[in-house]
Amino acid sequence: MPRLDALSEVERKTITFFPCMEFDGTPWVPLDKPLSESKVALISTAGLHVRGDKPFISDFKGGDPSFRVIPSNSKPGDILQSHVSIGFDHTGFYKDINIAFPIDRLRELVERRVIGSVSENYYSFMGAIRDPRRVIDNTGPEVAQLLKDEGVDLAFLVPI
């Protein structure tokens, strides 16, 4: 991580004055069954969507708070990244999707019986959201309900 004095004035001010939400606690629910019997979902903030789905909107004020549903049986070549952020490098994702969305690794864990199963659907949000309140108040709880309805036991969060 660069020192603040090595950054441009704009970058320094952005980092120094970026509003950071603070919370009194962290929501936590202990896993009540063995991992080998658990259904696992994947949630990313890499701005991913399946081919033909609506890309994330880059000019949405405060950041695009929507999410995209990605069926867990999607082929890696059918998953696209529309994440836009200044300085965001897509190279790693295009070389190996598992860097940002470890779908092959989760399938391997099922095959090795480390985890019980994967959810029918995975979810992706757009990263670089400057105002996360809409995610916290609306789309986050909506995805949580979808996961609950599907009987997901735990979610693997992949931040970008």
C-alpha atoms as a PDB file:
ATOM      1  CA  MET A   1       0.000   0.000   0.000  1.00  0.00           C
ATOM      2  CA  PRO A   2       1.476   3.359  -0.974  1.00  0.00           C
ATOM      3  CA  ARG A   3       2.191   6.016   1.599  1.00  0.00           C
ATOM      4  CA  LEU A   4      -0.189   8.964   1.457  1.00  0.00           C
ATOM      5  CA  ASP A   5       2.621  11.366   0.570  1.00  0.00           C
ATOM      6  CA  ALA A   6       3.389   9.256  -2.519  1.00  0.00           C
ATOM      7  CA  LEU A   7      -0.130   9.837  -3.883  1.00  0.00           C
ATOM      8  CA  SER A   8      -1.425  12.761  -5.884  1.00  0.00           C
ATOM      9  CA  GLU A   9      -3.345  15.442  -4.031  1.00  0.00           C
ATOM     10  CA  VAL A  10      -6.646  14.203  -5.497  1.00  0.00           C
ATOM     11  CA  GLU A  11      -5.946  10.605  -4.435  1.00  0.00           C
ATOM     12  CA  ARG A  12      -4.843  11.736  -0.946  1.00  0.00           C
ATOM     13  CA  LYS A  13      -8.010  13.778  -0.429  1.00  0.00           C
ATOM     14  CA  THR A  14     -10.194  10.961  -1.748  1.00  0.00           C
ATOM     15  CA  ILE A  15      -8.716   8.444   0.681  1.00  0.00           C
ATOM     16  CA  THR A  16      -8.527  10.852   3.616  1.00  0.00           C
ATOM     17  CA  PHE A  17     -12.094  12.129   3.336  1.00  0.00           C
ATOM     18  CA  PHE A  18     -13.857   9.037   1.984  1.00  0.00           C
ATOM     19  CA  PRO A  19     -16.952   8.485   4.147  1.00  0.00           C
ATOM     20  CA  CYS A  20     -16.632   5.174   5.933  1.00  0.00           C
ATOM     21  CA  MET A  21     -19.669   3.696   7.630  1.00  0.00           C
ATOM     22  CA  GLU A  22     -19.154   2.406  11.156  1.00  0.00           C
ATOM     23  CA  PHE A  23     -21.207  -0.273  12.859  1.00  0.00           C
ATOM     24  CA  ASP A  24     -21.535  -1.201  16.524  1.00  0.00           C
ATOM     25  CA  GLY A  25     -21.281  -4.912  15.862  1.00  0.00           C
ATOM     26  CA  THR A  26     -20.825  -7.547  13.224  1.00  0.00           C
ATOM     27  CA  PRO A  27     -23.727  -9.831  12.326  1.00  0.00           C
ATOM     28  CA  TRP A  28     -22.695 -13.401  12.977  1.00  0.00           C
ATOM     29  CA  VAL A  29     -24.565 -16.651  12.959  1.00  0.00           C
ATOM     30  CA  PRO A  30     -22.584 -19.768  13.846  1.00  0.00           C
ATOM     31  CA  LEU A  31     -22.732 -22.641  11.368  1.00  0.00           C
ATOM     32  CA  ASP A  32     -25.022 -25.283  12.874  1.00  0.00           C
ATOM     33  CA  LYS A  33     -23.969 -28.234  10.718  1.00  0.00           C
ATOM     34  CA  PRO A  34     -20.743 -29.663   9.363  1.00  0.00           C
ATOM     35  CA  LEU A  35     -19.228 -27.865   6.391  1.00  0.00           C
ATOM     36  CA  SER A  36     -19.402 -31.143   4.466  1.00  0.00           C
ATOM     37  CA  GLU A  37     -23.206 -30.968   4.709  1.00  0.00           C
ATOM     38  CA  SER A  38     -23.561 -27.246   4.029  1.00  0.00           C
ATOM     39  CA  LYS A  39     -24.907 -25.472   0.955  1.00  0.00           C
ATOM     40  CA  VAL A  40     -22.569 -22.659  -0.093  1.00  0.00           C
ATOM     41  CA  ALA A  41     -23.318 -19.551  -2.150  1.00  0.00           C
ATOM     42  CA  LEU A  42     -20.870 -17.209  -3.806  1.00  0.00           C
ATOM     43  CA  ILE A  43     -21.242 -13.433  -3.634  1.00  0.00           C
ATOM     44  CA  SER A  44     -18.890 -11.060  -5.434  1.00  0.00           C
ATOM     45  CA  THR A  45     -18.448  -7.326  -5.812  1.00  0.00           C
ATOM     46  CA  ALA A  46     -16.649  -7.683  -9.148  1.00  0.00           C
ATOM     47  CA  GLY A  47     -19.571  -6.388 -11.233  1.00  0.00           C
ATOM     48  CA  LEU A  48     -20.177  -9.752 -12.902  1.00  0.00           C
ATOM     49  CA  HIS A  49     -23.154 -10.826 -14.991  1.00  0.00           C
ATOM     50  CA  VAL A  50     -24.006 -13.558 -17.452  1.00  0.00           C
ATOM     51  CA  ARG A  51     -23.757 -12.921 -21.164  1.00  0.00           C
ATOM     52  CA  GLY A  52     -26.932 -11.200 -22.361  1.00  0.00           C
ATOM     53  CA  ASP A  53     -27.774  -9.774 -18.922  1.00  0.00           C
ATOM     54  CA  LYS A  54     -27.834  -6.042 -18.266  1.00  0.00           C
ATOM     55  CA  PRO A  55     -24.360  -4.649 -17.442  1.00  0.00           C
ATOM     56  CA  PHE A  56     -23.862  -2.575 -14.318  1.00  0.00           C
ATOM     57  CA  ILE A  57     -24.368   1.166 -14.780  1.00  0.00           C
ATOM     58  CA  SER A  58     -21.223   3.228 -14.311  1.00  0.00           C
ATOM     59  CA  ASP A  59     -22.875   6.636 -14.041  1.00  0.00           C
ATOM     60  CA  PHE A  60     -25.401   5.727 -11.328  1.00  0.00           C
ATOM     61  CA  LYS A  61     -25.061   8.433  -8.645  1.00  0.00           C
ATOM     62  CA  GLY A  62     -23.214   6.940  -5.673  1.00  0.00           C
ATOM     63  CA  GLY A  63     -22.654   3.646  -7.510  1.00  0.00           C
ATOM     64  CA  ASP A  64     -24.975   1.012  -8.943  1.00  0.00           C
ATOM     65  CA  PRO A  65     -26.636  -0.743  -5.948  1.00  0.00           C
ATOM     66  CA  SER A  66     -28.263  -3.487  -8.029  1.00  0.00           C
ATOM     67  CA  PHE A  67     -27.160  -7.110  -8.195  1.00  0.00           C
ATOM     68  CA  ARG A  68     -27.052  -9.795 -10.851  1.00  0.00           C
ATOM     69  CA  VAL A  69     -28.040 -13.434 -10.510  1.00  0.00           C
ATOM     70  CA  ILE A  70     -25.481 -15.861 -11.881  1.00  0.00           C
ATOM     71  CA  PRO A  71     -26.626 -19.490 -12.072  1.00  0.00           C
ATOM     72  CA  SER A  72     -24.009 -21.665 -10.396  1.00  0.00           C
ATOM     73  CA  ASN A  73     -23.869 -23.950 -13.431  1.00  0.00           C
ATOM     74  CA  SER A  74     -22.798 -21.062 -15.690  1.00  0.00           C
ATOM     75  CA  LYS A  75     -19.766 -21.684 -17.847  1.00  0.00           C
ATOM     76  CA  PRO A  76     -16.852 -19.349 -17.068  1.00  0.00           C
ATOM     77  CA  GLY A  77     -16.906 -18.055 -20.667  1.00  0.00           C
ATOM     78  CA  ASP A  78     -20.502 -16.914 -20.194  1.00  0.00           C
ATOM     79  CA  ILE A  79     -19.697 -14.701 -17.205  1.00  0.00           C
ATOM     80  CA  LEU A  80     -18.691 -11.146 -18.065  1.00  0.00           C
ATOM     81  CA  GLN A  81     -17.351  -8.320 -15.979  1.00  0.00           C
ATOM     82  CA  SER A  82     -18.801  -4.837 -16.376  1.00  0.00           C
ATOM     83  CA  HIS A  83     -17.179  -3.402 -13.249  1.00  0.00           C
ATOM     84  CA  VAL A  84     -15.983   0.089 -13.970  1.00  0.00           C
ATOM     85  CA  SER A  85     -13.754   2.073 -11.697  1.00  0.00           C
ATOM     86  CA  ILE A  86     -10.793   4.264 -12.421  1.00  0.00           C
ATOM     87  CA  GLY A  87      -7.668   2.166 -12.233  1.00  0.00           C
ATOM     88  CA  PHE A  88      -9.529  -1.161 -12.086  1.00  0.00           C
ATOM     89  CA  ASP A  89      -7.529  -3.809 -13.905  1.00  0.00           C
ATOM     90  CA  HIS A  90      -9.531  -6.603 -15.575  1.00  0.00           C
ATOM     91  CA  THR A  91      -6.478  -8.580 -16.735  1.00  0.00           C
ATOM     92  CA  GLY A  92      -6.493 -11.171 -13.954  1.00  0.00           C
ATOM     93  CA  PHE A  93     -10.198 -11.865 -14.368  1.00  0.00           C
ATOM     94  CA  TYR A  94      -9.829 -12.463 -18.097  1.00  0.00           C
ATOM     95  CA  LYS A  95      -6.938 -14.871 -17.493  1.00  0.00           C
ATOM     96  CA  ASP A  96      -8.693 -16.819 -14.721  1.00  0.00           C
ATOM     97  CA  ILE A  97     -12.254 -16.104 -13.574  1.00  0.00           C
ATOM     98  CA  ASN A  98     -11.494 -17.871 -10.284  1.00  0.00           C
ATOM     99  CA  ILE A  99      -9.465 -14.866  -9.145  1.00  0.00           C
ATOM    100  CA  ALA A 100     -12.643 -12.837  -8.772  1.00  0.00           C
ATOM    101  CA  PHE A 101     -15.267 -15.570  -8.795  1.00  0.00           C
ATOM    102  CA  PRO A 102     -13.966 -18.992  -7.671  1.00  0.00           C
ATOM    103  CA  ILE A 103     -16.679 -21.113  -9.266  1.00  0.00           C
ATOM    104  CA  ASP A 104     -14.302 -23.906 -10.268  1.00  0.00           C
ATOM    105  CA  ARG A 105     -12.797 -24.036  -6.782  1.00  0.00           C
ATOM    106  CA  LEU A 106     -16.256 -24.409  -5.196  1.00  0.00           C
ATOM    107  CA  ARG A 107     -17.115 -27.219  -7.623  1.00  0.00           C
ATOM    108  CA  GLU A 108     -13.864 -28.945  -6.640  1.00  0.00           C
ATOM    109  CA  LEU A 109     -14.761 -28.606  -2.955  1.00  0.00           C
ATOM    110  CA  VAL A 110     -18.089 -30.330  -3.644  1.00  0.00           C
ATOM    111  CA  GLU A 111     -16.318 -33.125  -5.554  1.00  0.00           C
ATOM    112  CA  ARG A 112     -13.887 -33.585  -2.660  1.00  0.00           C
ATOM    113  CA  ARG A 113     -16.833 -33.524  -0.218  1.00  0.00           C
ATOM    114  CA  VAL A 114     -15.367 -30.611   1.721  1.00  0.00           C
ATOM    115  CA  ILE A 115     -18.669 -28.763   1.258  1.00  0.00           C
ATOM    116  CA  GLY A 116     -22.057 -30.383   0.754  1.00  0.00           C
ATOM    117  CA  SER A 117     -23.308 -28.484  -2.272  1.00  0.00           C
ATOM    118  CA  VAL A 118     -23.434 -25.123  -3.982  1.00  0.00           C
ATOM    119  CA  SER A 119     -26.479 -22.931  -4.299  1.00  0.00           C
ATOM    120  CA  GLU A 120     -28.450 -22.808  -7.533  1.00  0.00           C
ATOM    121  CA  ASN A 121     -27.592 -19.147  -7.919  1.00  0.00           C
ATOM    122  CA  TYR A 122     -24.662 -16.920  -7.109  1.00  0.00           C
ATOM    123  CA  TYR A 123     -24.837 -13.129  -6.860  1.00  0.00           C
ATOM    124  CA  SER A 124     -22.693 -10.227  -7.937  1.00  0.00           C
ATOM    125  CA  PHE A 125     -22.784  -6.599  -6.935  1.00  0.00           C
ATOM    126  CA  MET A 126     -20.853  -3.689  -8.324  1.00  0.00           C
ATOM    127  CA  GLY A 127     -17.834  -2.679  -6.275  1.00  0.00           C
ATOM    128  CA  ALA A 128     -16.697   0.924  -5.850  1.00  0.00           C
ATOM    129  CA  ILE A 129     -20.051   2.021  -4.457  1.00  0.00           C
ATOM    130  CA  ARG A 130     -19.584   5.390  -2.797  1.00  0.00           C
ATOM    131  CA  ASP A 131     -22.977   5.308  -1.082  1.00  0.00           C
ATOM    132  CA  PRO A 132     -23.708   1.782   0.189  1.00  0.00           C
ATOM    133  CA  ARG A 133     -26.977   2.671   1.965  1.00  0.00           C
ATOM    134  CA  ARG A 134     -29.145   1.357  -0.885  1.00  0.00           C
ATOM    135  CA  VAL A 135     -27.301  -1.963  -0.754  1.00  0.00           C
ATOM    136  CA  ILE A 136     -27.585  -2.096   3.044  1.00  0.00           C
ATOM    137  CA  ASP A 137     -31.269  -1.123   3.063  1.00  0.00           C
ATOM    138  CA  ASN A 138     -32.588  -2.762  -0.110  1.00  0.00           C
ATOM    139  CA  THR A 139     -30.627  -5.021  -2.424  1.00  0.00           C
ATOM    140  CA  GLY A 140     -28.491  -6.641   0.292  1.00  0.00           C
ATOM    141  CA  PRO A 141     -31.534  -7.820   2.271  1.00  0.00           C
ATOM    142  CA  GLU A 142     -33.182  -8.912  -0.997  1.00  0.00           C
ATOM    143  CA  VAL A 143     -30.227 -11.190  -1.793  1.00  0.00           C
ATOM    144  CA  ALA A 144     -30.165 -12.415   1.814  1.00  0.00           C
ATOM    145  CA  GLN A 145     -33.821 -13.457   1.463  1.00  0.00           C
ATOM    146  CA  LEU A 146     -33.110 -15.239  -1.833  1.00  0.00           C
ATOM    147  CA  LEU A 147     -30.288 -17.155  -0.150  1.00  0.00           C
ATOM    148  CA  LYS A 148     -32.502 -18.013   2.800  1.00  0.00           C
ATOM    149  CA  ASP A 149     -35.322 -19.170   0.505  1.00  0.00           C
ATOM    150  CA  GLU A 150     -32.889 -21.512  -1.252  1.00  0.00           C
ATOM    151  CA  GLY A 151     -31.662 -22.977   2.027  1.00  0.00           C
ATOM    152  CA  VAL A 152     -28.117 -21.645   1.782  1.00  0.00           C
ATOM    153  CA  ASP A 153     -26.098 -22.278   4.928  1.00  0.00           C
ATOM    154  CA  LEU A 154     -23.201 -19.951   4.251  1.00  0.00           C
ATOM    155  CA  ALA A 155     -22.009 -17.407   1.737  1.00  0.00           C
ATOM    156  CA  PHE A 156     -18.473 -17.031   0.489  1.00  0.00           C
ATOM    157  CA  LEU A 157     -17.929 -13.298  -0.037  1.00  0.00           C
ATOM    158  CA  VAL A 158     -15.361 -12.310  -2.642  1.00  0.00           C
ATOM    159  CA  PRO A 159     -14.624  -8.574  -2.418  1.00  0.00           C
ATOM    160  CA  ILE A 160     -12.884  -6.820  -5.282  1.00  0.00           C
END
